[in-house]
Amino acid sequence: MKKFILLFLLLSFFGINAQPNCEAFKMRGEMLKYESCKKAMETKGHYQFSKEYQVKLDEAIEIDPTYDYPYWAKSIAYLKSGDFITWKKLIDKAVKYNPEDRLGYRGWCRYQFFRDYKGAIEDIEELDRLVDYDIGQSQNGMYHLNIAKGLCYKAIGERDKAIDIIEKQIKLNEEEDFIGAYDYVHLGVLYLETGEIEKAIEVFEKQSGYNDLAENQYYLALSQQKLGKTAESRISLENARKLYLKGRKMFDPYNHPMDKIYLEDIDREIEQLTLRVDKN
């Protein structure tokens, strides 16, 4: 858990502000990229939405139109402002000139912001073909890109493939002692949806010991109901409610995470469970 928190904080803080090492281009004799990089670094201290910020990046692109960083940096403001057409044009340029560094970012954005699941899968799988090292995390640090790919397969109805992908990545994550905050929840929900109830309960219990969440207890309760464990289900639902009110729930500042639930979902399930018990 400590490893996850540290990495998440680092990526959250440095994620979109990570800057290239211009001197590396100079050492390799790539002087146009070096000059372009230096110009792009003049954006430091300027607001992303300011004219100054965008003009400096435009000047960097004029120096070397094949340097990916200015396209990527320019694109962020357009993504944040909702101008997705301009964002797509810019990020496509960045991917064209540096696919190894930009495909993962574009794929994640296609998943997170646009629900373009097939496009996200294409980008992540293309990145995996291009590199011989670990393809890494999502831009916000919440998921390994393979977990995100698995969620994309779930979204397009290929649950068995999603389970296979996520199982394999979680096994690797466990070996490295690094599990994403929601990895077990997503896998447990997939098991629940495919009728593998015992497996679902097993991973929900793992999540409880690692990073318990309202969603985890909620889906654990649904799994327990499938096995006729009414008393245990009620306890899990009450735990879900307490966790939710404490703010221990899935969160994304930009959108609705997959498998997220709300207080109304918990209260409705408690009410329905009570009615079923009363009828019996």
C-alpha atoms as a PDB file:
ATOM      1  CA  MET A   1       0.000   0.000   0.000  1.00  0.00           C
ATOM      2  CA  LYS A   2       2.838   2.403   0.855  1.00  0.00           C
ATOM      3  CA  LYS A   3       4.429   1.791  -2.552  1.00  0.00           C
ATOM      4  CA  PHE A   4       1.145   2.549  -4.258  1.00  0.00           C
ATOM      5  CA  ILE A   5       0.568   5.766  -2.328  1.00  0.00           C
ATOM      6  CA  LEU A   6       4.105   7.026  -2.973  1.00  0.00           C
ATOM      7  CA  LEU A   7       3.954   6.317  -6.694  1.00  0.00           C
ATOM      8  CA  PHE A   8       0.477   7.810  -7.018  1.00  0.00           C
ATOM      9  CA  LEU A   9       1.543  11.014  -5.285  1.00  0.00           C
ATOM     10  CA  LEU A  10       4.653  11.291  -7.432  1.00  0.00           C
ATOM     11  CA  LEU A  11       2.770  10.732 -10.668  1.00  0.00           C
ATOM     12  CA  SER A  12      -0.036  13.038  -9.629  1.00  0.00           C
ATOM     13  CA  PHE A  13       2.465  15.793  -8.863  1.00  0.00           C
ATOM     14  CA  PHE A  14       4.872  15.307 -11.731  1.00  0.00           C
ATOM     15  CA  GLY A  15       2.620  13.602 -14.320  1.00  0.00           C
ATOM     16  CA  ILE A  16       1.795  16.342 -16.800  1.00  0.00           C
ATOM     17  CA  ASN A  17       4.689  18.559 -15.696  1.00  0.00           C
ATOM     18  CA  ALA A  18       7.446  16.024 -16.390  1.00  0.00           C
ATOM     19  CA  GLN A  19      10.047  17.788 -18.503  1.00  0.00           C
ATOM     20  CA  PRO A  20      12.572  16.291 -20.900  1.00  0.00           C
ATOM     21  CA  ASN A  21      16.324  16.506 -20.484  1.00  0.00           C
ATOM     22  CA  CYS A  22      17.348  18.861 -23.273  1.00  0.00           C
ATOM     23  CA  GLU A  23      21.036  18.191 -22.693  1.00  0.00           C
ATOM     24  CA  ALA A  24      20.540  14.585 -23.788  1.00  0.00           C
ATOM     25  CA  PHE A  25      19.719  15.794 -27.308  1.00  0.00           C
ATOM     26  CA  LYS A  26      22.825  17.959 -27.343  1.00  0.00           C
ATOM     27  CA  MET A  27      25.000  15.036 -26.287  1.00  0.00           C
ATOM     28  CA  ARG A  28      23.601  12.957 -29.147  1.00  0.00           C
ATOM     29  CA  GLY A  29      24.210  15.776 -31.629  1.00  0.00           C
ATOM     30  CA  GLU A  30      20.471  16.348 -32.244  1.00  0.00           C
ATOM     31  CA  MET A  31      20.792  20.113 -32.237  1.00  0.00           C
ATOM     32  CA  LEU A  32      17.373  20.947 -33.696  1.00  0.00           C
ATOM     33  CA  LYS A  33      15.665  18.926 -30.980  1.00  0.00           C
ATOM     34  CA  TYR A  34      17.978  20.513 -28.426  1.00  0.00           C
ATOM     35  CA  GLU A  35      16.977  24.027 -29.526  1.00  0.00           C
ATOM     36  CA  SER A  36      13.319  23.033 -29.732  1.00  0.00           C
ATOM     37  CA  CYS A  37      13.498  21.522 -26.275  1.00  0.00           C
ATOM     38  CA  LYS A  38      15.110  24.629 -24.799  1.00  0.00           C
ATOM     39  CA  LYS A  39      12.393  26.794 -26.322  1.00  0.00           C
ATOM     40  CA  ALA A  40       9.681  24.498 -24.954  1.00  0.00           C
ATOM     41  CA  MET A  41      11.215  24.788 -21.483  1.00  0.00           C
ATOM     42  CA  GLU A  42      10.605  28.543 -21.617  1.00  0.00           C
ATOM     43  CA  THR A  43       6.988  27.694 -20.794  1.00  0.00           C
ATOM     44  CA  LYS A  44       8.055  27.167 -17.184  1.00  0.00           C
ATOM     45  CA  GLY A  45       6.066  29.505 -14.958  1.00  0.00           C
ATOM     46  CA  HIS A  46       3.364  30.137 -17.579  1.00  0.00           C
ATOM     47  CA  TYR A  47      -0.203  28.910 -17.132  1.00  0.00           C
ATOM     48  CA  GLN A  48      -1.145  26.149 -19.578  1.00  0.00           C
ATOM     49  CA  PHE A  49      -4.102  28.122 -20.882  1.00  0.00           C
ATOM     50  CA  SER A  50      -2.119  31.326 -21.370  1.00  0.00           C
ATOM     51  CA  LYS A  51      -1.131  32.735 -24.742  1.00  0.00           C
ATOM     52  CA  GLU A  52       2.521  32.838 -23.655  1.00  0.00           C
ATOM     53  CA  TYR A  53       2.539  29.116 -22.906  1.00  0.00           C
ATOM     54  CA  GLN A  54       1.043  28.156 -26.245  1.00  0.00           C
ATOM     55  CA  VAL A  55       3.202  30.591 -28.247  1.00  0.00           C
ATOM     56  CA  LYS A  56       6.430  29.200 -26.763  1.00  0.00           C
ATOM     57  CA  LEU A  57       5.367  25.699 -27.759  1.00  0.00           C
ATOM     58  CA  ASP A  58       4.423  26.866 -31.256  1.00  0.00           C
ATOM     59  CA  GLU A  59       7.912  28.360 -31.570  1.00  0.00           C
ATOM     60  CA  ALA A  60       9.424  25.067 -30.389  1.00  0.00           C
ATOM     61  CA  ILE A  61       7.460  23.220 -33.083  1.00  0.00           C
ATOM     62  CA  GLU A  62       8.729  25.696 -35.725  1.00  0.00           C
ATOM     63  CA  ILE A  63      12.315  24.889 -34.726  1.00  0.00           C
ATOM     64  CA  ASP A  64      11.777  21.122 -35.043  1.00  0.00           C
ATOM     65  CA  PRO A  65       8.370  19.937 -36.296  1.00  0.00           C
ATOM     66  CA  THR A  66       9.352  16.320 -35.530  1.00  0.00           C
ATOM     67  CA  TYR A  67       9.862  16.838 -31.799  1.00  0.00           C
ATOM     68  CA  ASP A  68       6.963  15.235 -29.914  1.00  0.00           C
ATOM     69  CA  TYR A  69       7.091  17.074 -26.590  1.00  0.00           C
ATOM     70  CA  PRO A  70       5.604  20.436 -27.679  1.00  0.00           C
ATOM     71  CA  TYR A  71       2.649  18.703 -29.359  1.00  0.00           C
ATOM     72  CA  TRP A  72       1.993  16.681 -26.216  1.00  0.00           C
ATOM     73  CA  ALA A  73       2.365  19.679 -23.901  1.00  0.00           C
ATOM     74  CA  LYS A  74       0.065  21.831 -26.059  1.00  0.00           C
ATOM     75  CA  SER A  75      -2.543  19.080 -26.170  1.00  0.00           C
ATOM     76  CA  ILE A  76      -3.075  18.988 -22.407  1.00  0.00           C
ATOM     77  CA  ALA A  77      -4.754  22.397 -22.247  1.00  0.00           C
ATOM     78  CA  TYR A  78      -7.132  21.421 -25.041  1.00  0.00           C
ATOM     79  CA  LEU A  79      -8.016  18.181 -23.286  1.00  0.00           C
ATOM     80  CA  LYS A  80      -8.727  20.033 -20.039  1.00  0.00           C
ATOM     81  CA  SER A  81     -10.832  22.659 -21.790  1.00  0.00           C
ATOM     82  CA  GLY A  82     -12.918  20.114 -23.683  1.00  0.00           C
ATOM     83  CA  ASP A  83     -11.601  20.888 -27.170  1.00  0.00           C
ATOM     84  CA  PHE A  84     -11.137  17.226 -27.957  1.00  0.00           C
ATOM     85  CA  ILE A  85     -10.778  17.687 -31.700  1.00  0.00           C
ATOM     86  CA  THR A  86      -7.703  19.895 -31.304  1.00  0.00           C
ATOM     87  CA  TRP A  87      -6.378  17.597 -28.579  1.00  0.00           C
ATOM     88  CA  LYS A  88      -6.652  14.613 -30.915  1.00  0.00           C
ATOM     89  CA  LYS A  89      -4.781  16.378 -33.726  1.00  0.00           C
ATOM     90  CA  LEU A  90      -1.961  17.356 -31.405  1.00  0.00           C
ATOM     91  CA  ILE A  91      -1.608  14.071 -29.567  1.00  0.00           C
ATOM     92  CA  ASP A  92      -1.668  12.175 -32.849  1.00  0.00           C
ATOM     93  CA  LYS A  93       1.360  14.233 -33.927  1.00  0.00           C
ATOM     94  CA  ALA A  94       3.137  13.433 -30.662  1.00  0.00           C
ATOM     95  CA  VAL A  95       2.421   9.721 -31.140  1.00  0.00           C
ATOM     96  CA  LYS A  96       3.621   9.870 -34.733  1.00  0.00           C
ATOM     97  CA  TYR A  97       7.020  11.259 -33.731  1.00  0.00           C
ATOM     98  CA  ASN A  98       7.479   9.299 -30.488  1.00  0.00           C
ATOM     99  CA  PRO A  99       5.113   6.334 -30.240  1.00  0.00           C
ATOM    100  CA  GLU A 100       7.030   4.629 -27.441  1.00  0.00           C
ATOM    101  CA  ASP A 101       6.501   7.550 -25.060  1.00  0.00           C
ATOM    102  CA  ARG A 102       3.074   8.764 -26.191  1.00  0.00           C
ATOM    103  CA  LEU A 103       0.979   5.712 -27.114  1.00  0.00           C
ATOM    104  CA  GLY A 104       0.336   4.796 -23.490  1.00  0.00           C
ATOM    105  CA  TYR A 105      -0.827   8.309 -22.686  1.00  0.00           C
ATOM    106  CA  ARG A 106      -3.142   8.489 -25.705  1.00  0.00           C
ATOM    107  CA  GLY A 107      -4.512   5.025 -24.980  1.00  0.00           C
ATOM    108  CA  TRP A 108      -5.229   5.932 -21.374  1.00  0.00           C
ATOM    109  CA  CYS A 109      -6.978   9.153 -22.385  1.00  0.00           C
ATOM    110  CA  ARG A 110      -9.096   7.250 -24.890  1.00  0.00           C
ATOM    111  CA  TYR A 111     -10.192   4.989 -22.047  1.00  0.00           C
ATOM    112  CA  GLN A 112     -10.568   7.582 -19.312  1.00  0.00           C
ATOM    113  CA  PHE A 113     -12.126  10.522 -21.134  1.00  0.00           C
ATOM    114  CA  PHE A 114     -13.720   9.188 -24.287  1.00  0.00           C
ATOM    115  CA  ARG A 115     -14.739   5.596 -23.527  1.00  0.00           C
ATOM    116  CA  ASP A 116     -13.083   4.718 -26.816  1.00  0.00           C
ATOM    117  CA  TYR A 117     -12.342   1.216 -25.595  1.00  0.00           C
ATOM    118  CA  LYS A 118     -11.306  -0.273 -28.922  1.00  0.00           C
ATOM    119  CA  GLY A 119      -9.014   2.676 -29.634  1.00  0.00           C
ATOM    120  CA  ALA A 120      -7.459   2.372 -26.179  1.00  0.00           C
ATOM    121  CA  ILE A 121      -6.853  -1.350 -26.715  1.00  0.00           C
ATOM    122  CA  GLU A 122      -5.189  -0.642 -30.062  1.00  0.00           C
ATOM    123  CA  ASP A 123      -2.836   1.938 -28.534  1.00  0.00           C
ATOM    124  CA  ILE A 124      -1.863  -0.183 -25.538  1.00  0.00           C
ATOM    125  CA  GLU A 125      -1.318  -3.302 -27.631  1.00  0.00           C
ATOM    126  CA  GLU A 126       0.694  -1.361 -30.206  1.00  0.00           C
ATOM    127  CA  LEU A 127       2.890   0.001 -27.415  1.00  0.00           C
ATOM    128  CA  ASP A 128       3.400  -3.540 -26.119  1.00  0.00           C
ATOM    129  CA  ARG A 129       4.535  -4.625 -29.581  1.00  0.00           C
ATOM    130  CA  LEU A 130       6.962  -1.738 -29.909  1.00  0.00           C
ATOM    131  CA  VAL A 131       8.838  -2.052 -26.631  1.00  0.00           C
ATOM    132  CA  ASP A 132      10.640  -4.883 -24.868  1.00  0.00           C
ATOM    133  CA  TYR A 133      10.170  -3.434 -21.373  1.00  0.00           C
ATOM    134  CA  ASP A 134       7.208  -2.984 -19.046  1.00  0.00           C
ATOM    135  CA  ILE A 135       4.660  -0.689 -20.673  1.00  0.00           C
ATOM    136  CA  GLY A 136       4.018   1.056 -17.359  1.00  0.00           C
ATOM    137  CA  GLN A 137       1.212   2.868 -15.609  1.00  0.00           C
ATOM    138  CA  SER A 138      -1.689   5.049 -16.640  1.00  0.00           C
ATOM    139  CA  GLN A 139      -1.080   8.794 -16.632  1.00  0.00           C
ATOM    140  CA  ASN A 140      -2.714   9.216 -13.215  1.00  0.00           C
ATOM    141  CA  GLY A 141      -0.781   6.309 -11.702  1.00  0.00           C
ATOM    142  CA  MET A 142      -3.929   4.413 -10.720  1.00  0.00           C
ATOM    143  CA  TYR A 143      -3.590   1.454 -13.069  1.00  0.00           C
ATOM    144  CA  HIS A 144      -1.015  -0.563 -14.899  1.00  0.00           C
ATOM    145  CA  LEU A 145      -1.850  -0.115 -18.575  1.00  0.00           C
ATOM    146  CA  ASN A 146      -2.586  -3.832 -18.858  1.00  0.00           C
ATOM    147  CA  ILE A 147      -5.261  -3.487 -16.151  1.00  0.00           C
ATOM    148  CA  ALA A 148      -6.735  -0.609 -18.165  1.00  0.00           C
ATOM    149  CA  LYS A 149      -6.646  -2.816 -21.261  1.00  0.00           C
ATOM    150  CA  GLY A 150      -8.483  -5.539 -19.370  1.00  0.00           C
ATOM    151  CA  LEU A 151     -11.168  -3.059 -18.339  1.00  0.00           C
ATOM    152  CA  CYS A 152     -11.532  -2.035 -21.976  1.00  0.00           C
ATOM    153  CA  TYR A 153     -12.139  -5.651 -22.964  1.00  0.00           C
ATOM    154  CA  LYS A 154     -14.753  -5.901 -20.216  1.00  0.00           C
ATOM    155  CA  ALA A 155     -16.450  -2.770 -21.546  1.00  0.00           C
ATOM    156  CA  ILE A 156     -16.808  -4.271 -25.024  1.00  0.00           C
ATOM    157  CA  GLY A 157     -18.259  -7.480 -23.604  1.00  0.00           C
ATOM    158  CA  GLU A 158     -15.186  -9.732 -23.663  1.00  0.00           C
ATOM    159  CA  ARG A 159     -15.196 -10.574 -19.948  1.00  0.00           C
ATOM    160  CA  ASP A 160     -13.226 -13.826 -20.171  1.00  0.00           C
ATOM    161  CA  LYS A 161     -10.402 -12.049 -21.985  1.00  0.00           C
ATOM    162  CA  ALA A 162     -10.565  -9.214 -19.463  1.00  0.00           C
ATOM    163  CA  ILE A 163     -10.215 -11.693 -16.596  1.00  0.00           C
ATOM    164  CA  ASP A 164      -7.235 -13.380 -18.212  1.00  0.00           C
ATOM    165  CA  ILE A 165      -5.416 -10.082 -18.784  1.00  0.00           C
ATOM    166  CA  ILE A 166      -6.122  -8.700 -15.303  1.00  0.00           C
ATOM    167  CA  GLU A 167      -5.280 -11.982 -13.543  1.00  0.00           C
ATOM    168  CA  LYS A 168      -1.888 -12.113 -15.245  1.00  0.00           C
ATOM    169  CA  GLN A 169      -1.078  -8.483 -14.467  1.00  0.00           C
ATOM    170  CA  ILE A 170      -2.155  -8.785 -10.834  1.00  0.00           C
ATOM    171  CA  LYS A 171       0.086 -11.841 -10.449  1.00  0.00           C
ATOM    172  CA  LEU A 172       3.013  -9.783 -11.742  1.00  0.00           C
ATOM    173  CA  ASN A 173       2.027  -6.883  -9.494  1.00  0.00           C
ATOM    174  CA  GLU A 174       1.899  -9.159  -6.468  1.00  0.00           C
ATOM    175  CA  GLU A 175       5.396 -10.429  -7.234  1.00  0.00           C
ATOM    176  CA  GLU A 176       6.587  -6.816  -7.265  1.00  0.00           C
ATOM    177  CA  ASP A 177       4.553  -5.998  -4.117  1.00  0.00           C
ATOM    178  CA  PHE A 178       2.699  -3.330  -6.032  1.00  0.00           C
ATOM    179  CA  ILE A 179      -1.074  -3.572  -6.432  1.00  0.00           C
ATOM    180  CA  GLY A 180      -3.234  -0.813  -7.852  1.00  0.00           C
ATOM    181  CA  ALA A 181      -5.771   0.725  -5.470  1.00  0.00           C
ATOM    182  CA  TYR A 182      -8.733  -0.848  -7.284  1.00  0.00           C
ATOM    183  CA  ASP A 183      -7.238  -3.895  -9.013  1.00  0.00           C
ATOM    184  CA  TYR A 184      -8.839  -6.533  -6.792  1.00  0.00           C
ATOM    185  CA  VAL A 185     -12.216  -4.774  -6.893  1.00  0.00           C
ATOM    186  CA  HIS A 186     -12.325  -4.864 -10.683  1.00  0.00           C
ATOM    187  CA  LEU A 187     -11.258  -8.506 -10.827  1.00  0.00           C
ATOM    188  CA  GLY A 188     -13.795  -9.447  -8.163  1.00  0.00           C
ATOM    189  CA  VAL A 189     -16.612  -7.742 -10.053  1.00  0.00           C
ATOM    190  CA  LEU A 190     -15.625  -9.624 -13.196  1.00  0.00           C
ATOM    191  CA  TYR A 191     -15.767 -12.910 -11.279  1.00  0.00           C
ATOM    192  CA  LEU A 192     -19.169 -11.915  -9.863  1.00  0.00           C
ATOM    193  CA  GLU A 193     -20.471 -11.040 -13.323  1.00  0.00           C
ATOM    194  CA  THR A 194     -19.312 -14.373 -14.739  1.00  0.00           C
ATOM    195  CA  GLY A 195     -20.707 -16.459 -11.888  1.00  0.00           C
ATOM    196  CA  GLU A 196     -17.396 -17.337 -10.203  1.00  0.00           C
ATOM    197  CA  ILE A 197     -18.692 -16.359  -6.783  1.00  0.00           C
ATOM    198  CA  GLU A 198     -16.107 -18.064  -4.579  1.00  0.00           C
ATOM    199  CA  LYS A 199     -13.283 -16.439  -6.551  1.00  0.00           C
ATOM    200  CA  ALA A 200     -15.050 -13.087  -6.285  1.00  0.00           C
ATOM    201  CA  ILE A 201     -15.258 -13.352  -2.495  1.00  0.00           C
ATOM    202  CA  GLU A 202     -11.606 -14.377  -2.305  1.00  0.00           C
ATOM    203  CA  VAL A 203     -10.358 -11.273  -4.115  1.00  0.00           C
ATOM    204  CA  PHE A 204     -12.789  -8.963  -2.316  1.00  0.00           C
ATOM    205  CA  GLU A 205     -11.313 -10.250   0.936  1.00  0.00           C
ATOM    206  CA  LYS A 206      -7.831  -9.513  -0.435  1.00  0.00           C
ATOM    207  CA  GLN A 207      -8.961  -5.983  -1.231  1.00  0.00           C
ATOM    208  CA  SER A 208     -10.323  -5.638   2.317  1.00  0.00           C
ATOM    209  CA  GLY A 209      -6.907  -6.385   3.763  1.00  0.00           C
ATOM    210  CA  TYR A 210      -5.157  -4.109   1.310  1.00  0.00           C
ATOM    211  CA  ASN A 211      -7.328  -1.062   0.753  1.00  0.00           C
ATOM    212  CA  ASP A 212     -10.935  -1.539   1.821  1.00  0.00           C
ATOM    213  CA  LEU A 213     -13.507   0.521  -0.051  1.00  0.00           C
ATOM    214  CA  ALA A 214     -17.260   1.002  -0.092  1.00  0.00           C
ATOM    215  CA  GLU A 215     -17.362  -0.622  -3.530  1.00  0.00           C
ATOM    216  CA  ASN A 216     -15.458  -3.638  -2.294  1.00  0.00           C
ATOM    217  CA  GLN A 217     -17.869  -4.267   0.579  1.00  0.00           C
ATOM    218  CA  TYR A 218     -20.876  -3.620  -1.655  1.00  0.00           C
ATOM    219  CA  TYR A 219     -19.853  -6.188  -4.256  1.00  0.00           C
ATOM    220  CA  LEU A 220     -18.797  -8.594  -1.486  1.00  0.00           C
ATOM    221  CA  ALA A 221     -22.357  -8.301  -0.160  1.00  0.00           C
ATOM    222  CA  LEU A 222     -23.807  -9.120  -3.583  1.00  0.00           C
ATOM    223  CA  SER A 223     -21.524 -12.154  -3.810  1.00  0.00           C
ATOM    224  CA  GLN A 224     -22.552 -13.342  -0.360  1.00  0.00           C
ATOM    225  CA  GLN A 225     -26.201 -13.057  -1.357  1.00  0.00           C
ATOM    226  CA  LYS A 226     -25.532 -15.348  -4.309  1.00  0.00           C
ATOM    227  CA  LEU A 227     -24.472 -18.017  -1.768  1.00  0.00           C
ATOM    228  CA  GLY A 228     -27.462 -17.373   0.476  1.00  0.00           C
ATOM    229  CA  LYS A 229     -25.373 -15.736   3.192  1.00  0.00           C
ATOM    230  CA  THR A 230     -27.930 -13.100   4.164  1.00  0.00           C
ATOM    231  CA  ALA A 231     -26.499 -12.159   7.554  1.00  0.00           C
ATOM    232  CA  GLU A 232     -22.986 -11.735   6.159  1.00  0.00           C
ATOM    233  CA  SER A 233     -24.368  -9.705   3.264  1.00  0.00           C
ATOM    234  CA  ARG A 234     -26.123  -7.283   5.603  1.00  0.00           C
ATOM    235  CA  ILE A 235     -22.908  -6.757   7.578  1.00  0.00           C
ATOM    236  CA  SER A 236     -20.985  -6.089   4.353  1.00  0.00           C
ATOM    237  CA  LEU A 237     -23.592  -3.576   3.188  1.00  0.00           C
ATOM    238  CA  GLU A 238     -23.437  -1.747   6.512  1.00  0.00           C
ATOM    239  CA  ASN A 239     -19.645  -1.714   6.208  1.00  0.00           C
ATOM    240  CA  ALA A 240     -20.001  -0.333   2.676  1.00  0.00           C
ATOM    241  CA  ARG A 241     -22.208   2.467   3.962  1.00  0.00           C
ATOM    242  CA  LYS A 242     -19.766   3.381   6.738  1.00  0.00           C
ATOM    243  CA  LEU A 243     -16.820   3.394   4.349  1.00  0.00           C
ATOM    244  CA  TYR A 244     -18.716   5.511   1.833  1.00  0.00           C
ATOM    245  CA  LEU A 245     -19.593   8.131   4.456  1.00  0.00           C
ATOM    246  CA  LYS A 246     -15.929   8.226   5.510  1.00  0.00           C
ATOM    247  CA  GLY A 247     -14.910   8.923   1.916  1.00  0.00           C
ATOM    248  CA  ARG A 248     -13.340   5.476   1.421  1.00  0.00           C
ATOM    249  CA  LYS A 249     -14.638   4.982  -2.113  1.00  0.00           C
ATOM    250  CA  MET A 250     -13.438   4.865  -5.689  1.00  0.00           C
ATOM    251  CA  PHE A 251     -12.536   8.305  -6.983  1.00  0.00           C
ATOM    252  CA  ASP A 252     -11.452   9.974 -10.178  1.00  0.00           C
ATOM    253  CA  PRO A 253     -11.454  13.789 -10.370  1.00  0.00           C
ATOM    254  CA  TYR A 254     -12.456  13.733 -14.047  1.00  0.00           C
ATOM    255  CA  ASN A 255     -15.071  11.025 -14.504  1.00  0.00           C
ATOM    256  CA  HIS A 256     -17.014   8.020 -13.169  1.00  0.00           C
ATOM    257  CA  PRO A 257     -14.657   5.076 -12.622  1.00  0.00           C
ATOM    258  CA  MET A 258     -15.763   1.660 -13.826  1.00  0.00           C
ATOM    259  CA  ASP A 259     -17.531  -0.322 -11.042  1.00  0.00           C
ATOM    260  CA  LYS A 260     -18.042   2.776  -8.883  1.00  0.00           C
ATOM    261  CA  ILE A 261     -21.184   2.830  -6.728  1.00  0.00           C
ATOM    262  CA  TYR A 262     -23.050   5.564  -4.854  1.00  0.00           C
ATOM    263  CA  LEU A 263     -24.729   5.811  -1.464  1.00  0.00           C
ATOM    264  CA  GLU A 264     -28.103   5.350  -3.137  1.00  0.00           C
ATOM    265  CA  ASP A 265     -26.962   1.973  -4.471  1.00  0.00           C
ATOM    266  CA  ILE A 266     -26.010   0.795  -0.995  1.00  0.00           C
ATOM    267  CA  ASP A 267     -29.230   2.052   0.619  1.00  0.00           C
ATOM    268  CA  ARG A 268     -31.363   0.484  -2.099  1.00  0.00           C
ATOM    269  CA  GLU A 269     -29.629  -2.866  -1.649  1.00  0.00           C
ATOM    270  CA  ILE A 270     -30.094  -2.707   2.145  1.00  0.00           C
ATOM    271  CA  GLU A 271     -33.786  -1.943   1.661  1.00  0.00           C
ATOM    272  CA  GLN A 272     -34.257  -4.771  -0.833  1.00  0.00           C
ATOM    273  CA  LEU A 273     -32.413  -7.221   1.401  1.00  0.00           C
ATOM    274  CA  THR A 274     -34.618  -6.234   4.340  1.00  0.00           C
ATOM    275  CA  LEU A 275     -37.754  -6.772   2.273  1.00  0.00           C
ATOM    276  CA  ARG A 276     -36.592 -10.212   1.172  1.00  0.00           C
ATOM    277  CA  VAL A 277     -35.836 -11.227   4.760  1.00  0.00           C
ATOM    278  CA  ASP A 278     -39.212  -9.921   5.987  1.00  0.00           C
ATOM    279  CA  LYS A 279     -41.050 -11.931   3.320  1.00  0.00           C
ATOM    280  CA  ASN A 280     -39.349 -15.085   4.495  1.00  0.00           C
END
